[in-house]
Amino acid sequence: MTRLRMVETCLVRCLDRVRKEIADKEQRERRQAEERRPPAPDWFLEPGIGVGALPVAEGT
């Protein structure tokens, strides 16, 4: 029984390390995705009101 507890302890520690590596990798990927996100446009098109109305350009 003692050997099984020792194996269990080793596996729990190993699993903790794997979970930490996964969390670190996910955090890096989220940070990289934020850095790659293009900036917000300084203008956009808004549909006109009514049938056949032309779009309106809006700037900031």
PDB file of N, CA and C in Angstrom:
ATOM      1  N   MET A   1       0.826  -1.192   0.000  1.00  0.00           N
ATOM      2  CA  MET A   1       0.000   0.000   0.000  1.00  0.00           C
ATOM      3  C   MET A   1       0.871   1.257   0.000  1.00  0.00           C
ATOM      4  N   THR A   2       2.011   1.192   0.673  1.00  0.00           N
ATOM      5  CA  THR A   2       2.903   2.344   0.749  1.00  0.00           C
ATOM      6  C   THR A   2       3.417   2.721  -0.640  1.00  0.00           C
ATOM      7  N   ARG A   3       3.750   1.743  -1.431  1.00  0.00           N
ATOM      8  CA  ARG A   3       4.246   2.019  -2.792  1.00  0.00           C
ATOM      9  C   ARG A   3       3.163   2.682  -3.648  1.00  0.00           C
ATOM     10  N   LEU A   4       1.936   2.230  -3.490  1.00  0.00           N
ATOM     11  CA  LEU A   4       0.845   2.841  -4.242  1.00  0.00           C
ATOM     12  C   LEU A   4       0.662   4.302  -3.862  1.00  0.00           C
ATOM     13  N   ARG A   5       0.779   4.610  -2.578  1.00  0.00           N
ATOM     14  CA  ARG A   5       0.674   6.005  -2.129  1.00  0.00           C
ATOM     15  C   ARG A   5       1.823   6.838  -2.690  1.00  0.00           C
ATOM     16  N   MET A   6       3.005   6.256  -2.755  1.00  0.00           N
ATOM     17  CA  MET A   6       4.157   6.963  -3.302  1.00  0.00           C
ATOM     18  C   MET A   6       3.935   7.252  -4.794  1.00  0.00           C
ATOM     19  N   VAL A   7       3.438   6.262  -5.528  1.00  0.00           N
ATOM     20  CA  VAL A   7       3.147   6.454  -6.955  1.00  0.00           C
ATOM     21  C   VAL A   7       2.061   7.510  -7.116  1.00  0.00           C
ATOM     22  N   GLU A   8       1.046   7.458  -6.267  1.00  0.00           N
ATOM     23  CA  GLU A   8      -0.022   8.451  -6.321  1.00  0.00           C
ATOM     24  C   GLU A   8       0.531   9.852  -6.098  1.00  0.00           C
ATOM     25  N   THR A   9       1.387  10.013  -5.121  1.00  0.00           N
ATOM     26  CA  THR A   9       1.981  11.316  -4.821  1.00  0.00           C
ATOM     27  C   THR A   9       2.791  11.831  -6.009  1.00  0.00           C
ATOM     28  N   CYS A  10       3.571  10.962  -6.614  1.00  0.00           N
ATOM     29  CA  CYS A  10       4.370  11.362  -7.776  1.00  0.00           C
ATOM     30  C   CYS A  10       3.473  11.773  -8.942  1.00  0.00           C
ATOM     31  N   LEU A  11       2.417  11.025  -9.165  1.00  0.00           N
ATOM     32  CA  LEU A  11       1.511  11.334 -10.270  1.00  0.00           C
ATOM     33  C   LEU A  11       0.756  12.644 -10.030  1.00  0.00           C
ATOM     34  N   VAL A  12       0.369  12.894  -8.798  1.00  0.00           N
ATOM     35  CA  VAL A  12      -0.325  14.149  -8.474  1.00  0.00           C
ATOM     36  C   VAL A  12       0.603  15.330  -8.723  1.00  0.00           C
ATOM     37  N   ARG A  13       1.853  15.216  -8.318  1.00  0.00           N
ATOM     38  CA  ARG A  13       2.818  16.296  -8.560  1.00  0.00           C
ATOM     39  C   ARG A  13       3.044  16.508 -10.055  1.00  0.00           C
ATOM     40  N   CYS A  14       3.134  15.420 -10.777  1.00  0.00           N
ATOM     41  CA  CYS A  14       3.328  15.504 -12.229  1.00  0.00           C
ATOM     42  C   CYS A  14       2.112  16.172 -12.879  1.00  0.00           C
ATOM     43  N   LEU A  15       0.935  15.778 -12.468  1.00  0.00           N
ATOM     44  CA  LEU A  15      -0.288  16.368 -13.003  1.00  0.00           C
ATOM     45  C   LEU A  15      -0.364  17.857 -12.680  1.00  0.00           C
ATOM     46  N   ASP A  16       0.043  18.251 -11.492  1.00  0.00           N
ATOM     47  CA  ASP A  16       0.075  19.670 -11.122  1.00  0.00           C
ATOM     48  C   ASP A  16       1.006  20.449 -12.053  1.00  0.00           C
ATOM     49  N   ARG A  17       2.162  19.886 -12.366  1.00  0.00           N
ATOM     50  CA  ARG A  17       3.104  20.557 -13.278  1.00  0.00           C
ATOM     51  C   ARG A  17       2.504  20.685 -14.676  1.00  0.00           C
ATOM     52  N   VAL A  18       1.850  19.632 -15.135  1.00  0.00           N
ATOM     53  CA  VAL A  18       1.226  19.666 -16.463  1.00  0.00           C
ATOM     54  C   VAL A  18       0.126  20.721 -16.497  1.00  0.00           C
ATOM     55  N   ARG A  19      -0.701  20.778 -15.473  1.00  0.00           N
ATOM     56  CA  ARG A  19      -1.776  21.777 -15.428  1.00  0.00           C
ATOM     57  C   ARG A  19      -1.215  23.192 -15.412  1.00  0.00           C
ATOM     58  N   LYS A  20      -0.112  23.402 -14.703  1.00  0.00           N
ATOM     59  CA  LYS A  20       0.516  24.724 -14.667  1.00  0.00           C
ATOM     60  C   LYS A  20       1.058  25.084 -16.047  1.00  0.00           C
ATOM     61  N   GLU A  21       1.681  24.142 -16.727  1.00  0.00           N
ATOM     62  CA  GLU A  21       2.200  24.386 -18.076  1.00  0.00           C
ATOM     63  C   GLU A  21       1.062  24.733 -19.040  1.00  0.00           C
ATOM     64  N   ILE A  22      -0.057  24.027 -18.917  1.00  0.00           N
ATOM     65  CA  ILE A  22      -1.209  24.303 -19.769  1.00  0.00           C
ATOM     66  C   ILE A  22      -1.726  25.711 -19.503  1.00  0.00           C
ATOM     67  N   ALA A  23      -1.871  26.077 -18.244  1.00  0.00           N
ATOM     68  CA  ALA A  23      -2.362  27.418 -17.897  1.00  0.00           C
ATOM     69  C   ALA A  23      -1.412  28.494 -18.413  1.00  0.00           C
ATOM     70  N   ASP A  24      -0.102  28.275 -18.273  1.00  0.00           N
ATOM     71  CA  ASP A  24       0.881  29.248 -18.770  1.00  0.00           C
ATOM     72  C   ASP A  24       0.785  29.388 -20.287  1.00  0.00           C
ATOM     73  N   LYS A  25       0.649  28.279 -20.981  1.00  0.00           N
ATOM     74  CA  LYS A  25       0.553  28.294 -22.442  1.00  0.00           C
ATOM     75  C   LYS A  25      -0.715  29.024 -22.895  1.00  0.00           C
ATOM     76  N   GLU A  26      -1.836  28.759 -22.232  1.00  0.00           N
ATOM     77  CA  GLU A  26      -3.085  29.440 -22.578  1.00  0.00           C
ATOM     78  C   GLU A  26      -2.977  30.940 -22.349  1.00  0.00           C
ATOM     79  N   GLN A  27      -2.330  31.333 -21.262  1.00  0.00           N
ATOM     80  CA  GLN A  27      -2.157  32.756 -20.978  1.00  0.00           C
ATOM     81  C   GLN A  27      -1.278  33.415 -22.050  1.00  0.00           C
ATOM     82  N   ARG A  28      -0.200  32.751 -22.466  1.00  0.00           N
ATOM     83  CA  ARG A  28       0.657  33.292 -23.528  1.00  0.00           C
ATOM     84  C   ARG A  28      -0.120  33.448 -24.825  1.00  0.00           C
ATOM     85  N   GLU A  29      -0.936  32.446 -25.157  1.00  0.00           N
ATOM     86  CA  GLU A  29      -1.720  32.502 -26.391  1.00  0.00           C
ATOM     87  C   GLU A  29      -2.727  33.637 -26.350  1.00  0.00           C
ATOM     88  N   ARG A  30      -3.385  33.855 -25.204  1.00  0.00           N
ATOM     89  CA  ARG A  30      -4.338  34.973 -25.082  1.00  0.00           C
ATOM     90  C   ARG A  30      -3.623  36.311 -25.249  1.00  0.00           C
ATOM     91  N   ARG A  31      -2.451  36.442 -24.634  1.00  0.00           N
ATOM     92  CA  ARG A  31      -1.674  37.679 -24.730  1.00  0.00           C
ATOM     93  C   ARG A  31      -1.252  37.927 -26.177  1.00  0.00           C
ATOM     94  N   GLN A  32      -0.802  36.886 -26.862  1.00  0.00           N
ATOM     95  CA  GLN A  32      -0.384  37.029 -28.256  1.00  0.00           C
ATOM     96  C   GLN A  32      -1.566  37.383 -29.149  1.00  0.00           C
ATOM     97  N   ALA A  33      -2.739  36.816 -28.877  1.00  0.00           N
ATOM     98  CA  ALA A  33      -3.928  37.139 -29.666  1.00  0.00           C
ATOM     99  C   ALA A  33      -4.293  38.608 -29.484  1.00  0.00           C
ATOM    100  N   GLU A  34      -4.172  39.126 -28.265  1.00  0.00           N
ATOM    101  CA  GLU A  34      -4.446  40.544 -28.014  1.00  0.00           C
ATOM    102  C   GLU A  34      -3.464  41.427 -28.771  1.00  0.00           C
ATOM    103  N   GLU A  35      -2.201  41.029 -28.807  1.00  0.00           N
ATOM    104  CA  GLU A  35      -1.187  41.831 -29.491  1.00  0.00           C
ATOM    105  C   GLU A  35      -1.406  41.825 -31.005  1.00  0.00           C
ATOM    106  N   ARG A  36      -1.948  40.731 -31.558  1.00  0.00           N
ATOM    107  CA  ARG A  36      -2.167  40.624 -33.001  1.00  0.00           C
ATOM    108  C   ARG A  36      -3.468  41.267 -33.451  1.00  0.00           C
ATOM    109  N   ARG A  37      -4.351  41.605 -32.516  1.00  0.00           N
ATOM    110  CA  ARG A  37      -5.644  42.174 -32.873  1.00  0.00           C
ATOM    111  C   ARG A  37      -5.436  43.522 -33.549  1.00  0.00           C
ATOM    112  N   PRO A  38      -6.068  43.733 -34.690  1.00  0.00           N
ATOM    113  CA  PRO A  38      -5.891  45.014 -35.373  1.00  0.00           C
ATOM    114  C   PRO A  38      -6.552  46.147 -34.581  1.00  0.00           C
ATOM    115  N   PRO A  39      -6.063  47.364 -34.760  1.00  0.00           N
ATOM    116  CA  PRO A  39      -6.665  48.489 -34.034  1.00  0.00           C
ATOM    117  C   PRO A  39      -8.092  48.751 -34.521  1.00  0.00           C
ATOM    118  N   ALA A  40      -8.884  49.361 -33.677  1.00  0.00           N
ATOM    119  CA  ALA A  40     -10.257  49.702 -34.049  1.00  0.00           C
ATOM    120  C   ALA A  40     -10.226  50.766 -35.142  1.00  0.00           C
ATOM    121  N   PRO A  41     -11.122  50.666 -36.110  1.00  0.00           N
ATOM    122  CA  PRO A  41     -11.127  51.662 -37.183  1.00  0.00           C
ATOM    123  C   PRO A  41     -11.540  53.030 -36.643  1.00  0.00           C
ATOM    124  N   ASP A  42     -11.064  54.072 -37.300  1.00  0.00           N
ATOM    125  CA  ASP A  42     -11.429  55.414 -36.859  1.00  0.00           C
ATOM    126  C   ASP A  42     -12.679  55.914 -37.578  1.00  0.00           C
ATOM    127  N   TRP A  43     -13.285  55.046 -38.393  1.00  0.00           N
ATOM    128  CA  TRP A  43     -14.548  55.377 -39.052  1.00  0.00           C
ATOM    129  C   TRP A  43     -15.309  54.088 -39.329  1.00  0.00           C
ATOM    130  N   PHE A  44     -16.605  54.208 -39.623  1.00  0.00           N
ATOM    131  CA  PHE A  44     -17.421  53.046 -39.985  1.00  0.00           C
ATOM    132  C   PHE A  44     -18.606  53.519 -40.816  1.00  0.00           C
ATOM    133  N   LEU A  45     -19.217  52.588 -41.503  1.00  0.00           N
ATOM    134  CA  LEU A  45     -20.414  52.881 -42.290  1.00  0.00           C
ATOM    135  C   LEU A  45     -21.639  52.484 -41.490  1.00  0.00           C
ATOM    136  N   GLU A  46     -22.615  53.380 -41.485  1.00  0.00           N
ATOM    137  CA  GLU A  46     -23.867  53.116 -40.786  1.00  0.00           C
ATOM    138  C   GLU A  46     -24.974  53.104 -41.827  1.00  0.00           C
ATOM    139  N   PRO A  47     -25.840  52.093 -41.819  1.00  0.00           N
ATOM    140  CA  PRO A  47     -26.899  52.072 -42.821  1.00  0.00           C
ATOM    141  C   PRO A  47     -27.828  53.272 -42.656  1.00  0.00           C
ATOM    142  N   GLY A  48     -28.289  53.803 -43.787  1.00  0.00           N
ATOM    143  CA  GLY A  48     -29.227  54.925 -43.734  1.00  0.00           C
ATOM    144  C   GLY A  48     -30.591  54.472 -43.252  1.00  0.00           C
ATOM    145  N   ILE A  49     -31.401  55.423 -42.842  1.00  0.00           N
ATOM    146  CA  ILE A  49     -32.747  55.120 -42.352  1.00  0.00           C
ATOM    147  C   ILE A  49     -33.711  55.185 -43.531  1.00  0.00           C
ATOM    148  N   GLY A  50     -34.566  54.217 -43.644  1.00  0.00           N
ATOM    149  CA  GLY A  50     -35.577  54.208 -44.699  1.00  0.00           C
ATOM    150  C   GLY A  50     -35.172  53.323 -45.873  1.00  0.00           C
ATOM    151  N   VAL A  51     -36.130  53.095 -46.751  1.00  0.00           N
ATOM    152  CA  VAL A  51     -35.909  52.236 -47.909  1.00  0.00           C
ATOM    153  C   VAL A  51     -35.110  52.998 -48.942  1.00  0.00           C
ATOM    154  N   GLY A  52     -34.024  52.394 -49.435  1.00  0.00           N
ATOM    155  CA  GLY A  52     -33.208  53.003 -50.477  1.00  0.00           C
ATOM    156  C   GLY A  52     -32.279  54.091 -49.978  1.00  0.00           C
ATOM    157  N   ALA A  53     -32.199  54.321 -48.687  1.00  0.00           N
ATOM    158  CA  ALA A  53     -31.316  55.354 -48.160  1.00  0.00           C
ATOM    159  C   ALA A  53     -29.877  54.913 -48.283  1.00  0.00           C
ATOM    160  N   LEU A  54     -29.003  55.850 -48.575  1.00  0.00           N
ATOM    161  CA  LEU A  54     -27.584  55.548 -48.725  1.00  0.00           C
ATOM    162  C   LEU A  54     -26.912  55.418 -47.364  1.00  0.00           C
ATOM    163  N   PRO A  55     -25.842  54.618 -47.268  1.00  0.00           N
ATOM    164  CA  PRO A  55     -25.113  54.517 -46.005  1.00  0.00           C
ATOM    165  C   PRO A  55     -24.449  55.856 -45.663  1.00  0.00           C
ATOM    166  N   VAL A  56     -24.219  56.044 -44.403  1.00  0.00           N
ATOM    167  CA  VAL A  56     -23.600  57.269 -43.902  1.00  0.00           C
ATOM    168  C   VAL A  56     -22.254  56.897 -43.279  1.00  0.00           C
ATOM    169  N   ALA A  57     -21.188  57.601 -43.668  1.00  0.00           N
ATOM    170  CA  ALA A  57     -19.855  57.372 -43.080  1.00  0.00           C
ATOM    171  C   ALA A  57     -19.761  58.182 -41.790  1.00  0.00           C
ATOM    172  N   GLU A  58     -19.300  57.533 -40.749  1.00  0.00           N
ATOM    173  CA  GLU A  58     -19.137  58.204 -39.459  1.00  0.00           C
ATOM    174  C   GLU A  58     -17.670  58.136 -39.075  1.00  0.00           C
ATOM    175  N   GLY A  59     -17.112  59.239 -38.641  1.00  0.00           N
ATOM    176  CA  GLY A  59     -15.718  59.266 -38.205  1.00  0.00           C
ATOM    177  C   GLY A  59     -15.624  59.629 -36.746  1.00  0.00           C
ATOM    178  N   THR A  60     -14.487  59.292 -36.169  1.00  0.00           N
ATOM    179  CA  THR A  60     -14.286  59.624 -34.763  1.00  0.00           C
ATOM    180  C   THR A  60     -13.326  60.773 -34.636  1.00  0.00           C
TER     181      THR A  60
END
